[in-house]
Amino acid sequence: MEIIHLSAECYPIAKVGGLGDVVGALPKYQNKLGHVAKVVMPAYETKFFRENEFESVYDGWGKLGFQHFSVRIFREKTNKLGFDLYLVHIAGFTDRPNVYGYADDTERFLAFQIGVLDWMAQWEHKPDVIHCHDHHTGLVPFMTAHCNKYRHLNQIPTILTIHNAQYQGQFGWDKLNYLPPFDLWKAGQLDWKGAINPLASAIKCCWRITTVSPSYLEEISYRANGLEALFARERGKSVGILNGIDNEVWNPTADAMLEKQFAVRTVDNGKKANKQALCDVFNLDASKPLFTFIGRLVDEKGADLLPEIFNNALWQHKGEINILVLGSGDPQVEGRLFQLKDAFPGNYNAYIGYNEQLSHQIYAGADFLLMPSRVEPCGLNQMYALRYGTIPIVRRIGGLKDTVVDIGDGGFGICHDQTSAWDVGHAIGRAMELYNDKKKMKEIRKFMMNIDHSWDKAAQEYINLYQI
């Protein structure tokens, strides 16, 4: 089976969040099952694109309304990622350093989707599945089903995976002419509440829908940023498949980014060495429990509450707790988190930005990971934490609910029900009690590290879904 994954992100080429991790791992595991999975994504101006070997496999021109654009598609020559990688270079659109955040993102991702379909329309064969990830590729199911120039592609099954329904890519009807010609009677397949909505269109037009956890599939029936009724209507073709993690990348026994590698039997010494290295760099006390937050500093992650949560915890457990933050996002939240450094020197620090190596080191050295999310379709950070023996403190929502069981229920994590400063503060107090029970901490760490959240099971579930 030949599977084409279309995505705006893929680790290690370009990653903003969990989407990049998923698309960087799932195809590799599908290939291990004997299939041919390929990734097609925009060619951003990234270090990976500059420093690796590519060959050109397609040159053409696309059309966006009255604007023509050049398309060149490159294939990575060595298959170093475990799957075929194709980067779509569109002058003026993809040749930028960032994935998102530009005023013309609508045009950028439309050009990408049109360029890809123009290329595929020339193939002598047809792939078995086109797997679209989030709204950035959400108009592909509509275009293959209804646009005149892609009519011969309309029998290729299209799968949509929703990584986060909060982001939908809406734009106005004044840009309808950007799409290749189609029967205007089909325009309703693009519409949701008076706008062209790529995610809504994909939900209507794709053959199957997946969410990245079973619980998130339930949640979007009542919390989907305006798409609740549409999800209810299309529930019959929807399934929740829990994401996995790439055990080759996230493996404490072989992780070159760590100060000291460790296995289940050596977890105590391994975490101690990695914690000490972190504390030396960030002026923290390695004898104290280390709490951390890793991720985007945005409201859906509960990040707006972090300054209050941390301030309260540092006062309540004065001198007995360490907190380290790694993340970026809302400038106001960044500023407030940075200011706490002056108020609590020696017990608190923050790295504002993105640092892949540091994230690995924190997972390995921290005692607890905080995830007070308001929205968490799947979450991968808690799975990374489990793999590295770091106890997750999570809100019961989405994939967090599916992957973390509270210690009070015989599990291995600490759970709370609301995203509030009080709930998280109470959870931190429970964590402090657990930290002081050294025997129980050791038992939980060893149990967590043996939990299998690899992609093997999920990759097979997707293969089963494709066979429709």
Protein backbone atom coordinates (compact mmCIF):
# COMPACT_ATOMS: atom_id res chain seq x y z
CA MET A 1 0.00 0.00 0.00
CA GLU A 2 1.31 3.46 -0.96
CA ILE A 3 0.38 6.18 1.54
CA ILE A 4 0.96 9.89 0.93
CA HIS A 5 1.07 12.01 4.10
CA LEU A 6 0.46 15.72 3.48
CA SER A 7 1.45 18.01 6.34
CA ALA A 8 2.69 21.50 7.23
CA GLU A 9 5.14 20.01 9.75
CA CYS A 10 7.40 17.01 10.07
CA TYR A 11 10.18 16.45 12.61
CA PRO A 12 13.12 17.02 12.19
CA ILE A 13 12.56 19.21 9.12
CA ALA A 14 10.17 21.71 10.69
CA LYS A 15 8.30 21.30 13.97
CA VAL A 16 6.07 23.64 15.96
CA GLY A 17 4.13 21.11 18.03
CA GLY A 18 2.86 17.55 18.21
CA LEU A 19 1.84 17.52 14.54
CA GLY A 20 5.51 17.56 13.57
CA ASP A 21 6.34 14.66 15.89
CA VAL A 22 3.45 12.54 14.60
CA VAL A 23 4.22 13.04 10.91
CA GLY A 24 7.91 12.43 11.60
CA ALA A 25 7.20 9.02 13.15
CA LEU A 26 3.98 7.43 11.84
CA PRO A 27 5.23 6.94 8.23
CA LYS A 28 8.40 5.25 9.47
CA TYR A 29 6.40 2.72 11.46
CA GLN A 30 4.02 2.14 8.56
CA ASN A 31 7.02 1.34 6.37
CA LYS A 32 8.18 -1.16 8.98
CA LEU A 33 4.84 -2.91 8.51
CA GLY A 34 5.69 -3.46 4.85
CA HIS A 35 3.96 -0.46 3.27
CA VAL A 36 5.33 2.53 1.36
CA ALA A 37 4.58 5.69 3.33
CA LYS A 38 5.80 9.05 2.03
CA VAL A 39 5.69 12.58 3.47
CA VAL A 40 5.07 15.66 1.33
CA MET A 41 5.46 19.05 3.01
CA PRO A 42 6.48 22.64 2.19
CA ALA A 43 10.17 23.39 1.63
CA TYR A 44 10.82 25.99 4.33
CA GLU A 45 14.20 27.68 4.67
CA THR A 46 15.37 25.35 7.43
CA LYS A 47 18.70 23.92 8.50
CA PHE A 48 17.56 20.46 7.39
CA PHE A 49 16.80 21.67 3.86
CA ARG A 50 20.14 23.45 3.61
CA GLU A 51 22.33 20.67 4.97
CA ASN A 52 20.96 17.51 3.35
CA GLU A 53 21.05 16.05 -0.15
CA PHE A 54 18.01 16.47 -2.39
CA GLU A 55 17.20 15.79 -6.02
CA SER A 56 14.58 17.59 -8.08
CA VAL A 57 11.70 15.35 -9.19
CA TYR A 58 9.21 17.90 -10.55
CA ASP A 59 9.16 21.39 -12.03
CA GLY A 60 5.93 23.13 -12.88
CA TRP A 61 3.67 26.12 -12.56
CA GLY A 62 0.58 26.55 -10.45
CA LYS A 63 -2.18 29.13 -10.43
CA LEU A 64 -3.68 30.98 -7.48
CA GLY A 65 -6.43 33.18 -8.83
CA PHE A 66 -4.69 35.49 -11.31
CA GLN A 67 -1.27 34.78 -9.83
CA HIS A 68 1.03 32.13 -11.25
CA PHE A 69 3.71 30.51 -9.11
CA SER A 70 6.58 28.15 -9.77
CA VAL A 71 6.68 24.74 -8.11
CA ARG A 72 9.77 22.61 -7.66
CA ILE A 73 9.60 19.39 -5.67
CA PHE A 74 12.68 17.86 -4.10
CA ARG A 75 13.19 14.33 -2.80
CA GLU A 76 15.60 13.64 0.06
CA LYS A 77 18.12 11.24 -1.49
CA THR A 78 19.26 9.03 1.41
CA ASN A 79 15.97 8.00 3.05
CA LYS A 80 17.64 8.92 6.35
CA LEU A 81 14.30 9.42 8.14
CA GLY A 82 12.99 5.95 7.36
CA PHE A 83 10.55 7.16 4.70
CA ASP A 84 10.58 9.06 1.40
CA LEU A 85 10.50 12.81 2.04
CA TYR A 86 9.38 15.33 -0.58
CA LEU A 87 9.72 19.08 -0.05
CA VAL A 88 7.59 21.44 -2.15
CA HIS A 89 9.41 24.67 -2.96
CA ILE A 90 7.17 27.53 -4.07
CA ALA A 91 9.06 30.77 -4.62
CA GLY A 92 7.60 33.57 -2.56
CA PHE A 93 5.48 31.27 -0.40
CA THR A 94 7.41 28.40 1.21
CA ASP A 95 10.92 29.89 1.11
CA ARG A 96 10.69 31.40 4.60
CA PRO A 97 12.16 30.30 7.94
CA ASN A 98 8.93 29.93 9.94
CA VAL A 99 6.12 27.44 9.45
CA TYR A 100 3.28 29.79 10.43
CA GLY A 101 2.63 33.36 11.41
CA TYR A 102 2.58 35.19 8.07
CA ALA A 103 -0.23 37.43 6.85
CA ASP A 104 -0.55 35.33 3.68
CA ASP A 105 -0.66 31.88 5.32
CA THR A 106 -3.94 31.21 3.49
CA GLU A 107 -2.22 31.74 0.14
CA ARG A 108 0.90 29.83 1.21
CA PHE A 109 -0.92 26.63 2.14
CA LEU A 110 -3.36 26.84 -0.76
CA ALA A 111 -0.43 27.11 -3.16
CA PHE A 112 1.19 24.13 -1.44
CA GLN A 113 -1.94 21.98 -1.83
CA ILE A 114 -2.48 22.98 -5.47
CA GLY A 115 1.19 22.39 -6.28
CA VAL A 116 1.07 18.90 -4.76
CA LEU A 117 -2.10 17.91 -6.63
CA ASP A 118 -0.76 19.28 -9.93
CA TRP A 119 2.28 17.03 -9.42
CA MET A 120 0.24 13.97 -8.44
CA ALA A 121 -2.10 14.51 -11.42
CA GLN A 122 0.86 13.72 -13.69
CA TRP A 123 1.77 10.43 -12.04
CA GLU A 124 1.37 7.31 -14.15
CA HIS A 125 0.02 5.46 -11.11
CA LYS A 126 -2.28 6.40 -8.25
CA PRO A 127 -1.37 6.07 -4.57
CA ASP A 128 -3.66 3.99 -2.37
CA VAL A 129 -4.34 6.71 0.21
CA ILE A 130 -3.88 10.46 0.65
CA HIS A 131 -3.60 11.17 4.37
CA CYS A 132 -4.20 14.86 5.20
CA HIS A 133 -3.12 16.36 8.52
CA ASP A 134 -5.04 19.35 9.92
CA HIS A 135 -6.51 22.30 8.05
CA HIS A 136 -3.30 23.21 6.19
CA THR A 137 -4.06 20.30 3.84
CA GLY A 138 -7.82 20.34 4.40
CA LEU A 139 -8.86 21.45 0.92
CA VAL A 140 -7.26 18.43 -0.74
CA PRO A 141 -10.32 16.16 -0.17
CA PHE A 142 -12.57 18.81 -1.76
CA MET A 143 -10.26 19.40 -4.71
CA THR A 144 -9.76 15.70 -5.52
CA ALA A 145 -13.52 15.15 -5.28
CA HIS A 146 -14.80 18.21 -7.16
CA CYS A 147 -12.16 20.22 -9.07
CA ASN A 148 -12.23 19.49 -12.80
CA LYS A 149 -8.49 19.14 -13.29
CA TYR A 150 -8.17 16.49 -10.54
CA ARG A 151 -11.25 14.46 -11.44
CA HIS A 152 -9.19 11.36 -12.22
CA LEU A 153 -7.94 11.40 -8.60
CA ASN A 154 -11.40 11.23 -7.07
CA GLN A 155 -11.27 7.50 -6.36
CA ILE A 156 -8.21 7.81 -4.12
CA PRO A 157 -9.39 7.56 -0.48
CA THR A 158 -8.66 10.70 1.53
CA ILE A 159 -8.13 10.46 5.30
CA LEU A 160 -8.19 13.50 7.59
CA THR A 161 -6.43 13.46 10.94
CA ILE A 162 -7.45 16.28 13.26
CA HIS A 163 -4.61 17.16 15.59
CA ASN A 164 -6.37 20.25 16.95
CA ALA A 165 -9.85 21.38 15.93
CA GLN A 166 -9.35 24.85 17.41
CA TYR A 167 -7.41 25.87 14.30
CA GLN A 168 -9.47 25.72 11.10
CA GLY A 169 -7.87 28.08 8.54
CA GLN A 170 -11.04 30.04 7.68
CA PHE A 171 -10.93 32.70 4.97
CA GLY A 172 -13.39 34.83 3.03
CA TRP A 173 -15.36 34.03 -0.11
CA ASP A 174 -13.49 36.80 -1.91
CA LYS A 175 -10.68 34.24 -2.30
CA LEU A 176 -12.84 31.54 -3.89
CA ASN A 177 -11.10 32.13 -7.22
CA TYR A 178 -7.90 30.77 -5.67
CA LEU A 179 -9.29 27.25 -6.08
CA PRO A 180 -9.11 25.48 -9.44
CA PRO A 181 -12.44 25.51 -11.37
CA PHE A 182 -15.25 23.32 -10.04
CA ASP A 183 -19.02 23.06 -10.27
CA LEU A 184 -20.26 25.97 -8.14
CA TRP A 185 -23.17 23.83 -6.98
CA LYS A 186 -20.53 22.13 -4.79
CA ALA A 187 -19.55 25.39 -3.02
CA GLY A 188 -21.54 24.33 0.04
CA GLN A 189 -18.86 21.71 0.68
CA LEU A 190 -16.47 24.57 1.41
CA ASP A 191 -18.76 26.64 3.61
CA TRP A 192 -19.14 26.80 7.34
CA LYS A 193 -20.93 29.74 8.94
CA GLY A 194 -20.41 32.10 6.02
CA ALA A 195 -16.71 31.46 5.37
CA ILE A 196 -14.57 29.01 3.46
CA ASN A 197 -13.40 26.68 6.21
CA PRO A 198 -10.71 24.17 5.16
CA LEU A 199 -11.12 21.97 8.23
CA ALA A 200 -14.92 21.86 7.87
CA SER A 201 -14.56 21.12 4.17
CA ALA A 202 -12.19 18.25 4.87
CA ILE A 203 -14.60 16.82 7.43
CA LYS A 204 -17.39 16.89 4.83
CA CYS A 205 -15.39 15.57 1.88
CA CYS A 206 -12.86 13.07 3.23
CA TRP A 207 -13.58 9.35 3.31
CA ARG A 208 -12.60 8.86 6.97
CA ILE A 209 -11.80 11.13 9.93
CA THR A 210 -9.44 10.36 12.80
CA THR A 211 -8.70 12.25 15.98
CA VAL A 212 -5.46 11.74 17.89
CA SER A 213 -7.08 10.11 20.92
CA PRO A 214 -10.41 8.40 21.68
CA SER A 215 -11.31 10.92 24.40
CA TYR A 216 -10.72 13.85 22.04
CA LEU A 217 -13.22 12.33 19.62
CA GLU A 218 -15.79 12.49 22.41
CA GLU A 219 -14.82 16.03 23.43
CA ILE A 220 -15.15 17.61 20.00
CA SER A 221 -18.85 16.79 20.03
CA TYR A 222 -19.22 19.63 22.55
CA ARG A 223 -15.96 21.62 22.28
CA ALA A 224 -14.76 22.16 18.70
CA ASN A 225 -14.66 25.92 18.15
CA GLY A 226 -17.96 26.03 16.30
CA LEU A 227 -17.78 22.71 14.45
CA GLU A 228 -19.68 20.67 17.03
CA ALA A 229 -22.78 20.13 14.88
CA LEU A 230 -20.68 19.09 11.88
CA PHE A 231 -18.74 16.54 13.92
CA ALA A 232 -22.00 15.12 15.20
CA ARG A 233 -23.26 14.76 11.64
CA GLU A 234 -20.09 13.03 10.44
CA ARG A 235 -19.54 10.88 13.53
CA GLY A 236 -20.23 7.69 11.57
CA LYS A 237 -16.98 7.98 9.62
CA SER A 238 -14.86 9.07 12.61
CA VAL A 239 -12.53 7.12 14.88
CA GLY A 240 -10.11 8.07 17.65
CA ILE A 241 -6.61 6.57 17.36
CA LEU A 242 -4.18 7.39 20.15
CA ASN A 243 -0.87 8.82 18.97
CA GLY A 244 2.33 6.98 19.75
CA ILE A 245 5.87 8.17 20.29
CA ASP A 246 8.97 7.29 18.35
CA ASN A 247 10.90 5.00 20.69
CA GLU A 248 14.01 5.38 18.56
CA VAL A 249 14.09 9.15 19.16
CA TRP A 250 12.75 9.07 22.72
CA ASN A 251 14.92 6.38 24.26
CA PRO A 252 16.81 7.20 27.48
CA THR A 253 19.18 4.26 26.95
CA ALA A 254 20.51 5.71 23.69
CA ASP A 255 19.61 9.42 23.75
CA ALA A 256 22.72 11.36 22.73
CA MET A 257 21.18 14.60 24.00
CA LEU A 258 21.38 13.50 27.65
CA GLU A 259 24.10 14.13 30.18
CA LYS A 260 23.85 10.47 31.16
CA GLN A 261 21.90 7.70 29.46
CA PHE A 262 19.96 5.27 31.62
CA ALA A 263 17.66 2.26 31.59
CA VAL A 264 14.90 1.09 33.94
CA ARG A 265 17.37 -0.63 36.26
CA THR A 266 19.64 2.44 36.40
CA VAL A 267 16.91 5.09 36.47
CA ASP A 268 17.80 6.49 39.89
CA ASN A 269 21.43 7.22 39.06
CA GLY A 270 20.56 8.33 35.54
CA LYS A 271 17.96 10.85 36.59
CA LYS A 272 20.19 12.10 39.40
CA ALA A 273 23.01 12.85 36.94
CA ASN A 274 20.73 14.58 34.45
CA LYS A 275 19.03 16.58 37.19
CA GLN A 276 22.38 17.74 38.55
CA ALA A 277 23.44 18.88 35.07
CA LEU A 278 20.22 20.88 34.68
CA CYS A 279 20.54 22.44 38.12
CA ASP A 280 24.14 23.45 37.46
CA VAL A 281 23.12 25.31 34.30
CA PHE A 282 19.99 26.94 35.74
CA ASN A 283 21.20 27.67 39.30
CA LEU A 284 18.82 25.28 41.03
CA ASP A 285 19.24 22.92 44.01
CA ALA A 286 19.46 19.30 42.86
CA SER A 287 18.46 18.04 46.31
CA LYS A 288 14.96 19.48 45.87
CA PRO A 289 12.11 18.11 43.70
CA LEU A 290 12.21 19.57 40.19
CA PHE A 291 8.89 20.53 38.55
CA THR A 292 8.82 21.58 34.92
CA PHE A 293 6.61 22.81 32.11
CA ILE A 294 7.60 22.23 28.48
CA GLY A 295 5.51 23.61 25.63
CA ARG A 296 3.77 26.49 23.97
CA LEU A 297 2.88 29.35 26.30
CA VAL A 298 -0.72 29.71 25.12
CA ASP A 299 -4.11 29.65 26.82
CA GLU A 300 -5.10 26.21 25.56
CA LYS A 301 -2.10 24.79 27.44
CA GLY A 302 -3.14 26.65 30.60
CA ALA A 303 0.02 28.74 30.32
CA ASP A 304 -1.72 31.99 31.27
CA LEU A 305 -2.10 30.54 34.79
CA LEU A 306 1.50 29.38 35.14
CA PRO A 307 2.88 32.61 36.69
CA GLU A 308 0.22 32.47 39.42
CA ILE A 309 0.65 28.71 39.90
CA PHE A 310 4.42 28.98 40.21
CA ASN A 311 4.35 32.05 42.43
CA ASN A 312 1.92 30.31 44.82
CA ALA A 313 3.91 27.07 44.88
CA LEU A 314 7.24 28.82 45.46
CA TRP A 315 5.79 30.74 48.41
CA GLN A 316 3.90 27.79 49.88
CA HIS A 317 6.88 25.43 49.60
CA LYS A 318 9.51 28.10 50.12
CA GLY A 319 13.02 26.77 49.66
CA GLU A 320 11.74 23.20 49.18
CA ILE A 321 10.89 23.17 45.49
CA ASN A 322 12.50 23.85 42.10
CA ILE A 323 10.65 24.93 38.96
CA LEU A 324 12.04 25.12 35.42
CA VAL A 325 10.12 26.32 32.35
CA LEU A 326 10.93 25.72 28.68
CA GLY A 327 8.60 27.35 26.18
CA SER A 328 7.52 30.34 24.14
CA GLY A 329 4.28 31.92 23.00
CA ASP A 330 2.24 34.75 24.48
CA PRO A 331 4.67 37.67 25.09
CA GLN A 332 2.84 38.71 28.26
CA VAL A 333 3.10 35.21 29.73
CA GLU A 334 6.76 35.04 28.68
CA GLY A 335 7.43 38.32 30.47
CA ARG A 336 5.68 37.30 33.68
CA LEU A 337 7.48 33.96 33.77
CA PHE A 338 10.81 35.65 33.17
CA GLN A 339 10.18 38.12 36.01
CA LEU A 340 9.78 35.29 38.53
CA LYS A 341 13.50 34.60 38.15
CA ASP A 342 14.31 37.72 40.18
CA ALA A 343 11.78 36.88 42.91
CA PHE A 344 12.94 33.28 43.46
CA PRO A 345 16.64 32.93 42.60
CA GLY A 346 17.96 29.44 43.22
CA ASN A 347 14.50 27.86 43.08
CA TYR A 348 13.08 29.00 39.74
CA ASN A 349 14.32 29.56 36.21
CA ALA A 350 12.95 29.81 32.68
CA TYR A 351 14.26 29.32 29.16
CA ILE A 352 12.05 31.31 26.80
CA GLY A 353 12.31 29.76 23.35
CA TYR A 354 12.53 26.37 21.70
CA ASN A 355 15.44 23.99 22.33
CA GLU A 356 15.05 20.35 21.34
CA GLN A 357 18.15 19.14 23.18
CA LEU A 358 17.16 20.95 26.36
CA SER A 359 13.70 19.37 26.23
CA HIS A 360 15.27 15.90 26.20
CA GLN A 361 17.53 16.84 29.10
CA ILE A 362 14.57 18.17 31.11
CA TYR A 363 12.49 15.04 30.56
CA ALA A 364 15.45 13.02 31.80
CA GLY A 365 16.27 15.22 34.80
CA ALA A 366 12.92 16.49 36.10
CA ASP A 367 10.86 14.76 38.74
CA PHE A 368 7.45 16.08 37.63
CA LEU A 369 5.98 17.49 34.41
CA LEU A 370 3.02 19.89 34.56
CA MET A 371 0.33 19.81 31.84
CA PRO A 372 -2.68 21.87 33.05
CA SER A 373 -4.20 21.99 29.57
CA ARG A 374 -7.60 23.39 28.67
CA VAL A 375 -7.38 21.57 25.33
CA GLU A 376 -5.12 18.56 24.71
CA PRO A 377 -6.24 16.42 21.74
CA CYS A 378 -3.58 13.83 22.50
CA GLY A 379 -0.48 15.23 24.11
CA LEU A 380 2.91 13.68 23.57
CA ASN A 381 4.83 15.36 26.39
CA GLN A 382 3.27 13.12 29.03
CA MET A 383 4.35 10.05 27.02
CA TYR A 384 7.90 11.38 26.73
CA ALA A 385 7.87 12.02 30.49
CA LEU A 386 6.74 8.46 31.21
CA ARG A 387 9.48 7.08 28.99
CA TYR A 388 12.11 9.05 30.95
CA GLY A 389 10.74 8.31 34.43
CA THR A 390 9.24 11.75 35.03
CA ILE A 391 5.82 11.74 36.71
CA PRO A 392 3.15 13.68 34.76
CA ILE A 393 0.76 16.05 36.56
CA VAL A 394 -2.13 16.47 34.15
CA ARG A 395 -5.68 17.66 33.78
CA ARG A 396 -8.14 14.88 32.92
CA ILE A 397 -8.85 15.86 29.32
CA GLY A 398 -8.29 14.49 25.80
CA GLY A 399 -5.30 12.23 25.41
CA LEU A 400 -4.09 13.05 28.92
CA LYS A 401 -7.17 11.25 30.23
CA ASP A 402 -6.37 8.27 27.99
CA THR A 403 -2.73 7.91 29.01
CA VAL A 404 -2.31 8.93 32.67
CA VAL A 405 -3.90 7.13 35.63
CA ASP A 406 -3.86 8.83 39.03
CA ILE A 407 -1.82 7.30 41.84
CA GLY A 408 -4.98 7.36 43.96
CA ASP A 409 -6.53 4.94 41.49
CA GLY A 410 -3.55 2.61 41.56
CA GLY A 411 -1.81 4.46 38.71
CA PHE A 412 1.39 6.36 38.09
CA GLY A 413 0.48 10.03 37.61
CA ILE A 414 -1.22 12.89 39.39
CA CYS A 415 -4.49 14.10 37.86
CA HIS A 416 -6.81 17.03 38.46
CA ASP A 417 -10.16 17.97 36.95
CA GLN A 418 -9.96 21.71 36.22
CA THR A 419 -7.48 24.15 34.74
CA SER A 420 -7.28 26.44 37.74
CA ALA A 421 -4.50 27.70 39.98
CA TRP A 422 -6.11 25.95 42.96
CA ASP A 423 -6.39 22.55 41.27
CA VAL A 424 -2.81 22.61 40.02
CA GLY A 425 -1.54 23.89 43.37
CA HIS A 426 -3.28 21.01 45.13
CA ALA A 427 -1.73 18.56 42.62
CA ILE A 428 1.73 20.01 43.33
CA GLY A 429 1.12 19.45 47.05
CA ARG A 430 0.28 15.80 46.35
CA ALA A 431 3.45 15.53 44.27
CA MET A 432 5.53 16.86 47.16
CA GLU A 433 4.10 14.12 49.40
CA LEU A 434 4.91 11.50 46.78
CA TYR A 435 8.46 12.83 46.35
CA ASN A 436 9.09 12.32 50.04
CA ASP A 437 8.02 8.67 49.76
CA LYS A 438 11.23 7.46 48.12
CA LYS A 439 10.17 3.83 47.88
CA LYS A 440 6.94 4.65 46.07
CA MET A 441 8.71 7.10 43.74
CA LYS A 442 11.11 4.35 42.68
CA GLU A 443 8.30 1.87 42.07
CA ILE A 444 6.30 4.33 39.99
CA ARG A 445 9.30 5.40 37.92
CA LYS A 446 10.16 1.83 36.98
CA PHE A 447 6.54 1.02 36.18
CA MET A 448 6.16 4.11 33.98
CA MET A 449 9.27 3.42 31.96
CA ASN A 450 7.94 -0.02 31.01
CA ILE A 451 4.68 1.35 29.55
CA ASP A 452 4.66 0.90 25.77
CA HIS A 453 3.41 3.98 23.92
CA SER A 454 5.31 3.25 20.70
CA TRP A 455 3.78 3.75 17.26
CA ASP A 456 3.57 0.02 16.48
CA LYS A 457 -0.08 -0.42 17.52
CA ALA A 458 -1.31 2.92 16.16
CA ALA A 459 0.45 2.43 12.81
CA GLN A 460 -1.44 -0.84 12.32
CA GLU A 461 -4.73 0.81 13.31
CA TYR A 462 -4.23 3.38 10.55
CA ILE A 463 -3.44 0.63 8.03
CA ASN A 464 -6.69 -1.10 9.01
CA LEU A 465 -8.56 2.17 8.57
CA TYR A 466 -7.13 2.74 5.08
CA GLN A 467 -8.51 -0.58 3.87
CA ILE A 468 -12.01 0.79 3.32
